[in-house]
């Protein structure tokens, strides 16, 4: 009976360590996702400033001479 109790305690300790490691991994991934979202927002804002706000429908793209 004592051996079974020791075995269960060992498994519980291992699971606690594993849970802590998983929690740290999830927290790190959440920080990375937050950082990536911030970078995407910044890139989106930069892209919006580079593009013209309105496209003039009367201007057609110029065709190359061979057409």
C-alpha atoms as a PDB file:
ATOM      1  CA  UNK A   1       0.000   0.000   0.000  1.00  0.00           C
ATOM      2  CA  UNK A   2       2.824   2.401   0.854  1.00  0.00           C
ATOM      3  CA  UNK A   3       4.483   1.767  -2.522  1.00  0.00           C
ATOM      4  CA  UNK A   4       1.256   2.667  -4.289  1.00  0.00           C
ATOM      5  CA  UNK A   5       0.991   5.886  -2.281  1.00  0.00           C
ATOM      6  CA  UNK A   6       4.587   6.809  -3.143  1.00  0.00           C
ATOM      7  CA  UNK A   7       3.903   6.085  -6.807  1.00  0.00           C
ATOM      8  CA  UNK A   8       0.828   8.313  -6.777  1.00  0.00           C
ATOM      9  CA  UNK A   9       2.770  11.104  -5.045  1.00  0.00           C
ATOM     10  CA  UNK A  10       5.540  10.850  -7.657  1.00  0.00           C
ATOM     11  CA  UNK A  11       3.015  11.048 -10.476  1.00  0.00           C
ATOM     12  CA  UNK A  12       1.329  14.025  -8.846  1.00  0.00           C
ATOM     13  CA  UNK A  13       4.657  15.834  -8.465  1.00  0.00           C
ATOM     14  CA  UNK A  14       5.485  15.121 -12.117  1.00  0.00           C
ATOM     15  CA  UNK A  15       2.072  16.403 -13.219  1.00  0.00           C
ATOM     16  CA  UNK A  16       2.505  19.564 -11.142  1.00  0.00           C
ATOM     17  CA  UNK A  17       5.864  20.229 -12.816  1.00  0.00           C
ATOM     18  CA  UNK A  18       4.369  19.547 -16.232  1.00  0.00           C
ATOM     19  CA  UNK A  19       1.423  21.850 -15.536  1.00  0.00           C
ATOM     20  CA  UNK A  20       3.765  24.645 -14.461  1.00  0.00           C
ATOM     21  CA  UNK A  21       5.820  24.197 -17.622  1.00  0.00           C
ATOM     22  CA  UNK A  22       2.687  24.249 -19.778  1.00  0.00           C
ATOM     23  CA  UNK A  23       1.404  27.377 -18.030  1.00  0.00           C
ATOM     24  CA  UNK A  24       4.696  29.134 -18.687  1.00  0.00           C
ATOM     25  CA  UNK A  25       4.581  28.055 -22.332  1.00  0.00           C
ATOM     26  CA  UNK A  26       1.024  29.316 -22.768  1.00  0.00           C
ATOM     27  CA  UNK A  27       1.871  32.631 -21.089  1.00  0.00           C
ATOM     28  CA  UNK A  28       4.915  33.066 -23.356  1.00  0.00           C
ATOM     29  CA  UNK A  29       2.864  32.255 -26.445  1.00  0.00           C
ATOM     30  CA  UNK A  30       0.205  34.767 -25.393  1.00  0.00           C
ATOM     31  CA  UNK A  31       2.873  37.461 -25.033  1.00  0.00           C
ATOM     32  CA  UNK A  32       4.203  36.586 -28.498  1.00  0.00           C
ATOM     33  CA  UNK A  33       0.710  36.734 -29.993  1.00  0.00           C
ATOM     34  CA  UNK A  34       0.091  40.113 -28.369  1.00  0.00           C
ATOM     35  CA  UNK A  35       3.380  41.407 -29.753  1.00  0.00           C
ATOM     36  CA  UNK A  36       2.580  40.076 -33.242  1.00  0.00           C
ATOM     37  CA  UNK A  37      -0.874  41.669 -33.146  1.00  0.00           C
ATOM     38  CA  UNK A  38       0.699  45.000 -32.236  1.00  0.00           C
ATOM     39  CA  UNK A  39       3.152  44.640 -35.122  1.00  0.00           C
ATOM     40  CA  UNK A  40       0.331  43.784 -37.521  1.00  0.00           C
ATOM     41  CA  UNK A  41      -1.590  46.870 -36.396  1.00  0.00           C
ATOM     42  CA  UNK A  42       1.497  49.009 -36.957  1.00  0.00           C
ATOM     43  CA  UNK A  43       2.100  47.520 -40.409  1.00  0.00           C
ATOM     44  CA  UNK A  44      -1.557  48.027 -41.293  1.00  0.00           C
ATOM     45  CA  UNK A  45      -1.370  51.679 -40.275  1.00  0.00           C
ATOM     46  CA  UNK A  46       1.811  52.137 -42.310  1.00  0.00           C
ATOM     47  CA  UNK A  47       0.214  50.451 -45.297  1.00  0.00           C
ATOM     48  CA  UNK A  48      -2.850  52.692 -45.061  1.00  0.00           C
ATOM     49  CA  UNK A  49      -0.674  55.811 -45.134  1.00  0.00           C
ATOM     50  CA  UNK A  50       1.157  54.583 -48.241  1.00  0.00           C
ATOM     51  CA  UNK A  51      -1.965  53.830 -50.269  1.00  0.00           C
ATOM     52  CA  UNK A  52      -4.064  56.573 -51.829  1.00  0.00           C
ATOM     53  CA  UNK A  53      -7.329  57.123 -50.000  1.00  0.00           C
ATOM     54  CA  UNK A  54      -9.473  57.117 -53.113  1.00  0.00           C
ATOM     55  CA  UNK A  55      -8.959  55.647 -56.543  1.00  0.00           C
ATOM     56  CA  UNK A  56      -9.987  57.805 -59.512  1.00  0.00           C
ATOM     57  CA  UNK A  57     -12.204  55.609 -61.681  1.00  0.00           C
ATOM     58  CA  UNK A  58     -11.536  57.703 -64.796  1.00  0.00           C
ATOM     59  CA  UNK A  59      -7.854  56.852 -64.882  1.00  0.00           C
ATOM     60  CA  UNK A  60      -7.178  53.551 -66.571  1.00  0.00           C
ATOM     61  CA  UNK A  61      -3.829  51.825 -66.291  1.00  0.00           C
ATOM     62  CA  UNK A  62      -1.631  52.558 -69.257  1.00  0.00           C
ATOM     63  CA  UNK A  63      -1.093  49.555 -71.509  1.00  0.00           C
ATOM     64  CA  UNK A  64       2.388  48.628 -72.604  1.00  0.00           C
ATOM     65  CA  UNK A  65       3.263  49.561 -76.237  1.00  0.00           C
ATOM     66  CA  UNK A  66       3.029  45.989 -77.500  1.00  0.00           C
ATOM     67  CA  UNK A  67      -0.773  45.821 -76.894  1.00  0.00           C
END
